[in-house]
Amino acid sequence: MNINTGLSNVNSLYTALYQGTMAMHTNRLSRSFYPINQAQQGWQQLSPSSIEYVTDIKQSSSALSSSIRELSGPAFSARTVTSSNTNVMTVNYSGNRPNNVASMNVRVDQTAAGQQNEGVSMNANAAYEGNRGTNTIAIDIGGNTTQISVDVAEGDTNRAVQQKMADAVNSSGINVRATVVTDSETNTSVLRLESTVTGSDERNSFTVRDVTGDIASRSGINEVSQEGRNAVYSINGGETRTSQSNTVNLGNGVTATFRQSSPDAVTIAPGKDASAPRNAIEGMVRNYNNLYSAAAENTSDPRAQNLASRMVSISSTYSRSLSEIGIGFDSSGRMTIDEKRMDQAQESGKLESFFTENSGRNYGFTNQVSRLADNVSRNPASFVSSSAFGSNLSQNFAYTNIGDLIQYNYLGVGTIMDFMF
């Protein structure tokens, strides 16, 4: 068979398939789309608000089912690379084979910091005694000079002037952050300037001086209180290393962020991903609330109200055990999370046992919610009352019956697409 014969055969096959498919759809549409036949076949349609409701419960129930499946095991068995002391350092793992990462011990002798200029302590409520009117300071950093002006008004307090200076510095766009620290017990306040870039690189250091007035010298921000410094650390007892930043790449997809120094090394090794269950639970709560809201807010449909009632019934049955793991309900029936209690439940293992054990019981919480969510996802029309359907067929959505949700959408002259929910 030569190539032309082959192409001819392929073309014939394509034409036959195309014409057969078009004939099938043409026949289908001629019997069910046109209004004259729709009326004879008893086609009905949902109102726009009911269509929105059906779409919402279809999507949210499907998402809820996925969240429940994660909590039935995968979320609690997820692995990553962990830190044995997150107060000293946290880690981020970007790879996909955490068990292949070799364990390491990292000691942080010093964290990186930026330069600080901490001003003098001033009586916060006392009247400012420096120059009135416009005062201008210059901040030199990285070879560039930025001039900043502050208007001091009659009657301004020390605290008010310090805040004006902080606002002016923070809005200048340079790599220096200004804050006013107030001590309510002594009624004093201090203006502090700090480089937003850590490390000892001289290009990140800055100087502050008065151009007009005496606002820099009077507030004390022209004096350096702490030079910029590098992070100092070691791995597995090896030689000392330094870093301009507190975020350090340790290789194999592992990045550590130093939070404080410690004489004790921190072990970085493969372990359970503590964030996976929390993410899955947050997803479950969000999807549960979306499904409940769609049903509860559809007050005109008895079947929607019945769906909301079934959700409340399931949750009420397990309210005590849910409360023990940090999941509660507000006055409207929507799920809430108690972060502190959930942290305690996760540390004790109670969080994992609740979801994994209940998923294996016929009448466990996750099993019951999963069954209901799967039912809604597969048969959303079962949760719409027949009264929601009308006889007016002018809309672009038509259904053979409540249980068979075939949606036709007229996109243009001669173009009709159909798809399942």
Protein backbone atom coordinates (compact mmCIF):
# COMPACT_ATOMS: atom_id res chain seq x y z
CA MET A 1 0.00 0.00 0.00
CA ASN A 2 1.52 3.32 -1.06
CA ILE A 3 1.35 6.45 1.06
CA ASN A 4 -1.45 8.02 -1.02
CA THR A 5 -3.64 4.95 -0.53
CA GLY A 6 -2.87 5.02 3.20
CA LEU A 7 -3.79 8.69 3.51
CA SER A 8 -6.97 8.08 1.52
CA ASN A 9 -7.99 5.29 3.89
CA VAL A 10 -7.25 7.47 6.94
CA ASN A 11 -9.28 10.29 5.42
CA SER A 12 -12.20 7.92 4.71
CA LEU A 13 -12.11 6.63 8.27
CA TYR A 14 -12.01 10.17 9.69
CA THR A 15 -14.94 11.22 7.46
CA ALA A 16 -16.99 8.19 8.50
CA LEU A 17 -16.32 8.81 12.19
CA TYR A 18 -16.99 12.52 11.85
CA GLN A 19 -20.20 12.06 9.90
CA GLY A 20 -21.33 9.30 12.24
CA THR A 21 -20.70 11.44 15.29
CA MET A 22 -22.44 14.45 13.76
CA ALA A 23 -25.37 12.28 12.70
CA MET A 24 -25.66 10.92 16.23
CA HIS A 25 -25.65 14.40 17.77
CA THR A 26 -27.93 15.82 15.10
CA ASN A 27 -30.42 13.04 15.70
CA ARG A 28 -30.10 13.52 19.46
CA LEU A 29 -30.63 17.26 19.23
CA SER A 30 -33.54 16.98 16.81
CA ARG A 31 -35.32 14.71 19.28
CA SER A 32 -34.53 16.60 22.48
CA PHE A 33 -33.36 20.18 22.00
CA TYR A 34 -36.00 21.88 19.90
CA PRO A 35 -38.89 23.21 22.01
CA ILE A 36 -41.66 21.56 19.97
CA ASN A 37 -40.24 18.14 20.81
CA GLN A 38 -39.17 19.11 24.33
CA ALA A 39 -42.77 19.82 25.27
CA GLN A 40 -43.88 16.45 23.93
CA GLN A 41 -41.14 14.58 25.78
CA GLY A 42 -41.81 16.34 29.08
CA TRP A 43 -38.47 18.13 29.29
CA GLN A 44 -38.15 20.49 32.23
CA GLN A 45 -35.70 23.14 33.28
CA LEU A 46 -34.23 24.60 36.44
CA SER A 47 -34.51 28.27 37.32
CA PRO A 48 -31.22 30.25 37.16
CA SER A 49 -30.98 30.33 41.00
CA SER A 50 -31.49 26.56 41.18
CA ILE A 51 -28.85 26.00 38.51
CA GLU A 52 -26.41 28.02 40.60
CA TYR A 53 -27.32 25.99 43.69
CA VAL A 54 -26.85 22.65 41.90
CA THR A 55 -23.48 23.80 40.54
CA ASP A 56 -22.35 24.93 44.01
CA ILE A 57 -23.25 21.69 45.78
CA LYS A 58 -21.73 19.62 42.97
CA GLN A 59 -18.38 21.42 43.22
CA SER A 60 -18.19 21.77 47.00
CA SER A 61 -19.26 18.15 47.69
CA SER A 62 -16.66 16.84 45.24
CA ALA A 63 -13.98 18.96 46.94
CA LEU A 64 -15.18 17.80 50.36
CA SER A 65 -14.86 14.15 49.29
CA SER A 66 -11.26 14.79 48.21
CA SER A 67 -10.42 16.40 51.56
CA ILE A 68 -11.91 13.46 53.47
CA ARG A 69 -9.90 10.98 51.39
CA GLU A 70 -6.71 12.87 52.28
CA LEU A 71 -7.58 12.75 55.98
CA SER A 72 -8.27 9.03 55.84
CA GLY A 73 -4.55 8.34 55.62
CA PRO A 74 -2.42 10.12 52.98
CA ALA A 75 -2.26 13.44 54.87
CA PHE A 76 -0.93 11.76 58.01
CA SER A 77 1.60 9.61 56.17
CA ALA A 78 3.02 12.46 54.06
CA ARG A 79 6.78 12.83 54.45
CA THR A 80 9.11 15.80 54.24
CA VAL A 81 12.37 17.02 55.81
CA THR A 82 11.94 18.32 59.35
CA SER A 83 13.77 20.31 62.02
CA SER A 84 14.10 18.91 65.54
CA ASN A 85 13.89 22.43 66.99
CA THR A 86 11.82 24.93 65.02
CA ASN A 87 12.59 27.67 67.58
CA VAL A 88 16.21 27.61 66.40
CA MET A 89 15.62 26.91 62.72
CA THR A 90 12.85 25.96 60.33
CA VAL A 91 13.38 24.03 57.12
CA ASN A 92 11.72 23.95 53.73
CA TYR A 93 11.99 20.95 51.43
CA SER A 94 11.41 21.42 47.69
CA GLY A 95 12.24 17.91 46.51
CA ASN A 96 9.99 14.86 46.09
CA ARG A 97 12.07 12.13 47.76
CA PRO A 98 12.53 13.20 51.39
CA ASN A 99 13.55 9.71 52.54
CA ASN A 100 16.65 9.99 50.36
CA VAL A 101 17.88 13.09 52.21
CA ALA A 102 20.68 12.25 54.62
CA SER A 103 20.24 13.37 58.23
CA MET A 104 22.46 16.27 59.33
CA ASN A 105 23.16 18.21 62.54
CA VAL A 106 23.33 21.99 62.16
CA ARG A 107 24.52 24.31 64.93
CA VAL A 108 23.75 28.05 64.77
CA ASP A 109 26.36 30.11 66.62
CA GLN A 110 25.04 33.46 65.43
CA THR A 111 22.13 34.71 63.37
CA ALA A 112 22.54 37.35 60.68
CA ALA A 113 21.30 40.85 61.45
CA GLY A 114 21.21 44.25 59.84
CA GLN A 115 22.72 47.45 61.16
CA GLN A 116 20.76 49.21 63.90
CA ASN A 117 20.79 52.85 64.98
CA GLU A 118 18.83 53.06 68.21
CA GLY A 119 18.08 56.58 69.37
CA VAL A 120 17.99 57.98 72.87
CA SER A 121 15.14 57.35 75.26
CA MET A 122 12.88 60.41 75.46
CA ASN A 123 9.89 61.40 77.61
CA ALA A 124 7.10 60.39 75.25
CA ASN A 125 4.55 63.04 76.25
CA ALA A 126 6.94 65.92 76.87
CA ALA A 127 7.03 68.81 74.38
CA TYR A 128 9.72 68.45 71.72
CA GLU A 129 12.47 70.98 72.41
CA GLY A 130 14.31 70.86 69.09
CA ASN A 131 13.99 73.08 66.01
CA ARG A 132 10.48 73.83 64.77
CA GLY A 133 9.52 73.92 61.10
CA THR A 134 11.17 71.78 58.43
CA ASN A 135 14.07 69.61 59.52
CA THR A 136 16.00 67.64 56.88
CA ILE A 137 18.18 64.58 57.41
CA ALA A 138 20.34 62.66 54.94
CA ILE A 139 20.72 58.87 54.94
CA ASP A 140 23.72 57.54 53.02
CA ILE A 141 23.48 53.87 52.01
CA GLY A 142 25.22 51.88 49.28
CA GLY A 143 26.81 55.01 47.82
CA ASN A 144 23.46 56.79 47.47
CA THR A 145 22.09 59.65 49.54
CA THR A 146 18.43 60.16 50.32
CA GLN A 147 17.21 63.36 51.95
CA ILE A 148 14.16 63.17 54.18
CA SER A 149 12.22 66.17 55.52
CA VAL A 150 10.12 66.26 58.68
CA ASP A 151 7.86 69.17 59.67
CA VAL A 152 7.85 69.83 63.41
CA ALA A 153 4.85 71.82 64.61
CA GLU A 154 4.46 73.88 67.76
CA GLY A 155 3.19 71.65 70.56
CA ASP A 156 4.45 68.37 69.06
CA THR A 157 5.52 65.85 71.69
CA ASN A 158 8.71 63.81 71.49
CA ARG A 159 6.62 60.76 70.60
CA ALA A 160 4.82 62.66 67.83
CA VAL A 161 8.09 63.87 66.29
CA GLN A 162 9.63 60.39 66.47
CA GLN A 163 6.59 58.97 64.68
CA LYS A 164 6.80 61.64 61.98
CA MET A 165 10.44 60.69 61.43
CA ALA A 166 9.59 56.97 61.29
CA ASP A 167 6.80 57.57 58.76
CA ALA A 168 9.10 59.69 56.59
CA VAL A 169 11.88 57.06 56.58
CA ASN A 170 9.47 54.18 55.86
CA SER A 171 7.92 55.99 52.91
CA SER A 172 11.30 56.92 51.38
CA GLY A 173 11.80 53.54 49.67
CA ILE A 174 15.31 52.89 51.03
CA ASN A 175 16.46 49.66 52.72
CA VAL A 176 15.99 51.06 56.20
CA ARG A 177 13.00 50.38 58.44
CA ALA A 178 12.06 52.77 61.26
CA THR A 179 10.00 51.96 64.35
CA VAL A 180 9.07 53.82 67.52
CA VAL A 181 9.36 51.65 70.63
CA THR A 182 7.32 52.90 73.59
CA ASP A 183 7.63 51.79 77.21
CA SER A 184 4.28 52.43 78.87
CA GLU A 185 5.67 51.84 82.39
CA THR A 186 8.34 54.54 82.15
CA ASN A 187 6.41 56.64 79.60
CA THR A 188 9.45 56.80 77.34
CA SER A 189 9.90 56.23 73.62
CA VAL A 190 12.85 55.43 71.36
CA LEU A 191 13.22 55.79 67.58
CA ARG A 192 15.02 52.82 66.03
CA LEU A 193 16.41 52.51 62.49
CA GLU A 194 17.36 49.08 61.13
CA SER A 195 18.67 47.90 57.77
CA THR A 196 16.24 45.59 56.01
CA VAL A 197 19.24 43.71 54.56
CA THR A 198 21.22 41.46 56.91
CA GLY A 199 24.95 40.81 56.81
CA SER A 200 28.22 42.62 57.33
CA ASP A 201 28.61 43.84 53.76
CA GLU A 202 29.59 47.51 53.92
CA ARG A 203 27.30 48.24 50.99
CA ASN A 204 24.35 47.62 53.33
CA SER A 205 25.57 49.90 56.12
CA PHE A 206 24.11 53.39 56.45
CA THR A 207 24.86 56.74 58.07
CA VAL A 208 22.42 59.39 59.24
CA ARG A 209 23.19 63.12 59.49
CA ASP A 210 21.42 66.44 59.84
CA VAL A 211 21.17 68.68 56.79
CA THR A 212 18.95 71.40 58.29
CA GLY A 213 17.84 71.46 61.91
CA ASP A 214 18.98 69.05 64.63
CA ILE A 215 16.38 66.29 64.49
CA ALA A 216 18.84 63.44 63.81
CA SER A 217 21.31 64.31 66.56
CA ARG A 218 18.61 65.21 69.10
CA SER A 219 16.79 61.88 68.58
CA GLY A 220 20.10 59.99 68.62
CA ILE A 221 19.58 58.07 65.37
CA ASN A 222 22.91 59.29 63.99
CA GLU A 223 24.74 56.82 66.26
CA VAL A 224 25.27 53.15 65.31
CA SER A 225 24.14 50.80 68.09
CA GLN A 226 24.75 47.51 66.21
CA GLU A 227 26.79 46.79 63.13
CA GLY A 228 25.44 44.42 60.49
CA ARG A 229 26.58 40.84 61.03
CA ASN A 230 26.64 37.49 59.22
CA ALA A 231 25.10 34.22 60.32
CA VAL A 232 27.65 31.75 61.68
CA TYR A 233 26.90 28.03 61.60
CA SER A 234 28.38 24.56 61.14
CA ILE A 235 27.18 21.21 59.77
CA ASN A 236 27.92 17.87 61.44
CA GLY A 237 30.63 19.44 63.58
CA GLY A 238 32.58 20.64 60.55
CA GLU A 239 34.26 23.95 59.88
CA THR A 240 32.48 27.20 60.63
CA ARG A 241 30.51 28.75 57.79
CA THR A 242 29.07 32.22 57.34
CA SER A 243 26.11 33.64 55.46
CA GLN A 244 24.90 37.18 54.82
CA SER A 245 21.35 35.85 55.17
CA ASN A 246 19.58 33.69 57.74
CA THR A 247 18.19 31.57 54.91
CA VAL A 248 20.76 28.99 53.87
CA ASN A 249 20.68 26.33 51.13
CA LEU A 250 21.86 23.04 52.65
CA GLY A 251 21.58 21.07 49.41
CA ASN A 252 19.31 18.24 48.22
CA GLY A 253 16.33 20.60 48.12
CA VAL A 254 16.68 21.56 51.81
CA THR A 255 16.67 25.23 52.83
CA ALA A 256 17.09 26.24 56.48
CA THR A 257 16.05 29.54 58.04
CA PHE A 258 17.91 30.44 61.24
CA ARG A 259 15.73 31.99 63.93
CA GLN A 260 18.08 32.15 66.91
CA SER A 261 21.46 30.88 68.02
CA SER A 262 21.86 27.79 70.20
CA PRO A 263 24.77 25.83 71.69
CA ASP A 264 22.97 22.63 70.75
CA ALA A 265 22.86 21.33 67.19
CA VAL A 266 19.51 20.89 65.45
CA THR A 267 18.86 17.63 63.63
CA ILE A 268 17.48 17.94 60.11
CA ALA A 269 16.12 14.63 58.86
CA PRO A 270 13.23 12.98 56.97
CA GLY A 271 10.03 12.88 59.02
CA LYS A 272 6.28 13.30 58.97
CA ASP A 273 4.97 16.43 57.26
CA ALA A 274 3.06 18.14 60.09
CA SER A 275 1.59 20.71 57.73
CA ALA A 276 -0.15 18.16 55.47
CA PRO A 277 -2.90 17.18 57.96
CA ARG A 278 -3.54 20.80 58.84
CA ASN A 279 -3.84 21.77 55.20
CA ALA A 280 -6.24 18.87 54.59
CA ILE A 281 -8.33 19.82 57.64
CA GLU A 282 -8.50 23.44 56.55
CA GLY A 283 -9.65 22.23 53.13
CA MET A 284 -12.26 19.96 54.72
CA VAL A 285 -13.60 22.82 56.86
CA ARG A 286 -13.70 25.21 53.91
CA ASN A 287 -15.47 22.70 51.63
CA TYR A 288 -17.86 21.57 54.37
CA ASN A 289 -18.85 25.19 54.98
CA ASN A 290 -19.29 25.85 51.26
CA LEU A 291 -21.62 22.85 50.91
CA TYR A 292 -23.52 23.70 54.07
CA SER A 293 -23.90 27.37 53.06
CA ALA A 294 -25.23 26.47 49.61
CA ALA A 295 -27.87 24.21 51.17
CA ALA A 296 -28.75 26.31 54.23
CA GLU A 297 -29.09 29.53 52.25
CA ASN A 298 -31.42 27.95 49.67
CA THR A 299 -34.39 28.45 51.99
CA SER A 300 -37.01 28.10 49.24
CA ASP A 301 -36.11 24.45 48.52
CA PRO A 302 -37.12 21.80 51.10
CA ARG A 303 -34.58 19.29 49.76
CA ALA A 304 -31.78 21.81 50.16
CA GLN A 305 -32.89 22.41 53.73
CA ASN A 306 -32.93 18.66 54.26
CA LEU A 307 -29.31 18.45 53.08
CA ALA A 308 -28.32 21.16 55.57
CA SER A 309 -30.18 19.31 58.34
CA ARG A 310 -28.41 16.03 57.54
CA MET A 311 -25.05 17.79 57.80
CA VAL A 312 -26.01 19.30 61.16
CA SER A 313 -27.19 15.90 62.38
CA ILE A 314 -23.88 14.21 61.52
CA SER A 315 -21.84 17.00 63.11
CA SER A 316 -23.98 17.09 66.25
CA THR A 317 -23.43 13.37 66.79
CA TYR A 318 -19.67 13.87 66.87
CA SER A 319 -19.55 17.39 68.34
CA ARG A 320 -17.81 16.32 71.56
CA SER A 321 -15.06 14.28 69.88
CA LEU A 322 -14.63 16.98 67.21
CA SER A 323 -14.24 19.60 69.92
CA GLU A 324 -11.42 17.57 71.47
CA ILE A 325 -9.38 17.90 68.28
CA GLY A 326 -10.12 21.61 67.81
CA ILE A 327 -13.09 21.53 65.42
CA GLY A 328 -16.22 23.36 66.53
CA PHE A 329 -19.31 24.97 65.05
CA ASP A 330 -20.59 28.53 65.21
CA SER A 331 -24.18 29.56 65.84
CA SER A 332 -25.01 29.25 62.12
CA GLY A 333 -23.80 25.64 61.90
CA ARG A 334 -20.53 26.31 60.10
CA MET A 335 -17.27 24.63 61.09
CA THR A 336 -14.59 26.53 63.00
CA ILE A 337 -11.02 25.68 64.03
CA ASP A 338 -9.46 26.20 67.47
CA GLU A 339 -5.78 26.44 66.52
CA LYS A 340 -4.41 25.94 70.03
CA ARG A 341 -6.52 22.87 70.76
CA MET A 342 -5.74 21.39 67.36
CA ASP A 343 -2.01 21.88 67.96
CA GLN A 344 -2.33 19.95 71.22
CA ALA A 345 -4.34 17.20 69.52
CA GLN A 346 -1.74 16.89 66.77
CA GLU A 347 1.14 16.66 69.24
CA SER A 348 -0.62 13.98 71.28
CA GLY A 349 -1.58 11.94 68.19
CA LYS A 350 -5.29 12.36 68.90
CA LEU A 351 -5.80 14.25 65.64
CA GLU A 352 -4.49 11.40 63.49
CA SER A 353 -6.32 8.68 65.41
CA PHE A 354 -9.64 10.53 65.12
CA PHE A 355 -9.58 10.76 61.34
CA THR A 356 -7.93 7.45 60.51
CA GLU A 357 -10.04 5.42 62.96
CA ASN A 358 -13.32 7.10 62.04
CA SER A 359 -12.70 6.54 58.35
CA GLY A 360 -12.74 2.80 58.96
CA ARG A 361 -16.00 2.73 60.87
CA ASN A 362 -19.35 2.51 59.13
CA TYR A 363 -20.72 5.19 61.40
CA GLY A 364 -17.55 7.20 61.95
CA PHE A 365 -17.56 10.93 61.33
CA THR A 366 -15.37 10.93 58.22
CA ASN A 367 -17.23 7.93 56.84
CA GLN A 368 -20.61 9.58 57.30
CA VAL A 369 -19.52 12.91 55.80
CA SER A 370 -17.79 11.12 52.94
CA ARG A 371 -20.90 9.10 52.10
CA LEU A 372 -23.08 12.17 52.05
CA ALA A 373 -20.58 14.21 50.01
CA ASP A 374 -20.17 11.39 47.47
CA ASN A 375 -23.94 11.09 47.17
CA VAL A 376 -24.34 14.82 46.55
CA SER A 377 -21.46 14.83 44.06
CA ARG A 378 -22.91 11.93 42.05
CA ASN A 379 -26.59 12.89 42.32
CA PRO A 380 -26.86 16.65 42.91
CA ALA A 381 -30.35 16.70 41.41
CA SER A 382 -31.57 14.47 44.23
CA PHE A 383 -31.16 17.47 46.50
CA VAL A 384 -33.40 19.73 44.39
CA SER A 385 -37.16 19.71 44.89
CA SER A 386 -39.36 19.04 41.88
CA SER A 387 -41.02 22.40 42.52
CA ALA A 388 -37.75 24.07 41.49
CA PHE A 389 -38.35 22.89 37.93
CA GLY A 390 -40.53 24.92 35.58
CA SER A 391 -42.25 24.50 32.22
CA ASN A 392 -40.77 27.55 30.51
CA LEU A 393 -38.23 26.28 28.00
CA SER A 394 -36.77 29.60 26.87
CA GLN A 395 -33.58 29.21 28.90
CA ASN A 396 -30.41 27.53 27.63
CA PHE A 397 -30.47 24.75 30.24
CA ALA A 398 -32.66 21.69 29.72
CA TYR A 399 -32.90 18.37 31.54
CA THR A 400 -34.64 15.12 30.63
CA ASN A 401 -35.47 14.61 34.31
CA ILE A 402 -34.15 15.57 37.71
CA GLY A 403 -31.82 12.59 37.83
CA ASP A 404 -30.29 13.04 34.38
CA LEU A 405 -28.54 16.40 34.34
CA ILE A 406 -27.60 16.84 30.68
CA GLN A 407 -26.89 20.51 30.12
CA TYR A 408 -27.18 22.11 26.68
CA ASN A 409 -25.66 25.52 26.25
CA TYR A 410 -26.37 27.52 23.09
CA LEU A 411 -23.09 29.22 22.20
CA GLY A 412 -24.03 30.75 18.85
CA VAL A 413 -25.85 30.17 15.57
CA GLY A 414 -25.50 26.50 14.74
CA THR A 415 -23.18 25.81 17.72
CA ILE A 416 -24.41 23.75 20.64
CA MET A 417 -22.23 22.15 23.30
CA ASP A 418 -23.43 19.56 25.79
CA PHE A 419 -21.64 18.34 28.89
CA MET A 420 -22.31 16.50 32.10
CA PHE A 421 -22.14 18.27 35.47
